[in-house]
Amino acid sequence: MSNRVVIVGGGVAGVSTASALRAGGFDGDLTLVDAGEFPYDRPPLSKDFLAGTKDIGQIALQSPQWYDEQRVRLVNRTTVTALRPSEGAVQLADGGLLPADGVVLATGGAAAR
């Protein structure tokens, strides 16, 4: 199995992937990259948070402690702009590279209009 996995996307799919990898015994480096400030559940943001019925802590997918306990490195406020398989890395918007033996694309979808 890969020693370094990068998950692109901090929504339900990305966080669930991190959880499943750890639950399945993956012990390598695990990095989750997301454009947002912290992984949160998107539907409650638009419904409950904006309506004032939940605070930001209540829509987070996991607590900050969970990411520490599960050894999931969060790389927030950036995006992956390229996959670099020949270099064993993903490229970030600032040009930096994250080493990756495996990549999971969990970027979600957009509503059809």
Protein backbone atom coordinates (compact mmCIF):
# COMPACT_ATOMS: atom_id res chain seq x y z
CA MET A 1 0.00 0.00 0.00
CA SER A 2 1.11 3.59 -0.58
CA ASN A 3 2.96 5.30 2.25
CA ARG A 4 1.73 8.82 1.39
CA VAL A 5 -1.85 9.46 0.38
CA VAL A 6 -3.24 12.88 -0.53
CA ILE A 7 -7.02 13.33 -0.47
CA VAL A 8 -8.18 16.24 -2.62
CA GLY A 9 -11.43 17.63 -1.21
CA GLY A 10 -12.54 18.29 2.36
CA GLY A 11 -16.23 17.45 2.06
CA VAL A 12 -18.03 14.36 3.30
CA ALA A 13 -16.33 12.09 0.74
CA GLY A 14 -12.82 13.30 1.56
CA VAL A 15 -13.20 13.09 5.34
CA SER A 16 -14.96 9.72 5.07
CA THR A 17 -12.07 8.45 2.95
CA ALA A 18 -9.56 9.53 5.59
CA SER A 19 -11.63 7.82 8.28
CA ALA A 20 -11.98 4.61 6.25
CA LEU A 21 -8.26 4.46 5.49
CA ARG A 22 -7.36 4.75 9.16
CA ALA A 23 -10.09 2.28 10.21
CA GLY A 24 -8.76 -0.14 7.59
CA GLY A 25 -5.27 0.00 9.08
CA PHE A 26 -3.54 2.49 6.79
CA ASP A 27 -0.62 3.80 8.82
CA GLY A 28 1.11 6.03 6.27
CA ASP A 29 1.09 9.79 5.82
CA LEU A 30 -2.40 11.10 5.15
CA THR A 31 -2.97 14.65 3.89
CA LEU A 32 -6.34 16.25 3.12
CA VAL A 33 -6.31 19.33 0.85
CA ASP A 34 -9.29 21.68 0.70
CA ALA A 35 -9.93 25.22 -0.53
CA GLY A 36 -11.94 26.05 2.60
CA GLU A 37 -10.73 27.01 6.04
CA PHE A 38 -11.82 23.77 7.74
CA PRO A 39 -13.71 20.67 6.50
CA TYR A 40 -17.42 21.16 7.12
CA ASP A 41 -20.70 19.64 5.98
CA ARG A 42 -21.85 21.82 3.09
CA PRO A 43 -25.68 21.38 3.17
CA PRO A 44 -26.00 22.45 6.84
CA LEU A 45 -23.87 25.50 6.06
CA SER A 46 -26.38 26.78 3.56
CA LYS A 47 -29.39 25.80 5.64
CA ASP A 48 -28.64 25.82 9.37
CA PHE A 49 -25.57 28.02 9.77
CA LEU A 50 -26.88 30.86 7.63
CA ALA A 51 -30.26 30.59 9.36
CA GLY A 52 -28.52 30.94 12.71
CA THR A 53 -29.68 27.56 14.07
CA LYS A 54 -26.17 26.01 14.20
CA ASP A 55 -22.72 27.43 14.82
CA ILE A 56 -19.61 26.56 12.84
CA GLY A 57 -18.57 23.89 15.36
CA GLN A 58 -21.83 22.05 14.79
CA ILE A 59 -21.35 21.73 11.04
CA ALA A 60 -17.71 20.60 11.17
CA LEU A 61 -17.34 17.06 9.83
CA GLN A 62 -14.87 16.18 12.60
CA SER A 63 -13.31 18.03 15.52
CA PRO A 64 -9.79 19.43 15.24
CA GLN A 65 -8.75 16.80 17.80
CA TRP A 66 -9.99 14.01 15.52
CA TYR A 67 -7.60 15.11 12.75
CA ASP A 68 -4.74 15.13 15.27
CA GLU A 69 -5.67 11.74 16.73
CA GLN A 70 -6.04 10.19 13.28
CA ARG A 71 -2.82 11.86 12.06
CA VAL A 72 -4.55 13.56 9.16
CA ARG A 73 -2.62 16.63 8.02
CA LEU A 74 -4.95 19.40 6.87
CA VAL A 75 -3.77 21.68 4.08
CA ASN A 76 -6.47 24.34 3.87
CA ARG A 77 -7.11 27.46 1.84
CA THR A 78 -5.51 26.08 -1.29
CA THR A 79 -6.29 23.85 -4.23
CA VAL A 80 -4.53 21.12 -6.14
CA THR A 81 -3.81 22.39 -9.64
CA ALA A 82 -2.01 19.39 -11.11
CA LEU A 83 -1.23 15.75 -10.53
CA ARG A 84 2.45 14.97 -11.05
CA PRO A 85 2.65 11.16 -11.11
CA SER A 86 6.15 11.08 -12.58
CA GLU A 87 7.31 13.16 -9.60
CA GLY A 88 5.17 11.31 -7.06
CA ALA A 89 3.44 14.53 -6.06
CA VAL A 90 0.49 16.87 -6.42
CA GLN A 91 1.00 20.55 -7.20
CA LEU A 92 -0.72 23.21 -5.12
CA ALA A 93 -2.00 26.58 -6.31
CA ASP A 94 1.06 28.34 -4.88
CA GLY A 95 3.34 26.07 -6.94
CA GLY A 96 4.36 23.93 -3.98
CA LEU A 97 4.41 20.15 -4.24
CA LEU A 98 3.01 17.58 -1.82
CA PRO A 99 4.57 14.12 -2.03
CA ALA A 100 2.00 11.45 -2.89
CA ASP A 101 2.22 7.76 -3.62
CA GLY A 102 -1.56 7.70 -4.00
CA VAL A 103 -4.22 10.35 -4.63
CA VAL A 104 -7.95 10.27 -3.94
CA LEU A 105 -10.03 12.85 -5.82
CA ALA A 106 -13.02 13.69 -3.63
CA THR A 107 -13.88 17.12 -5.00
CA GLY A 108 -17.64 16.67 -5.10
CA GLY A 109 -19.90 17.82 -7.85
CA ALA A 110 -21.82 20.82 -9.02
CA ALA A 111 -25.57 21.03 -9.40
CA ALA A 112 -26.80 20.86 -12.98
CA ARG A 113 -28.59 24.00 -14.09
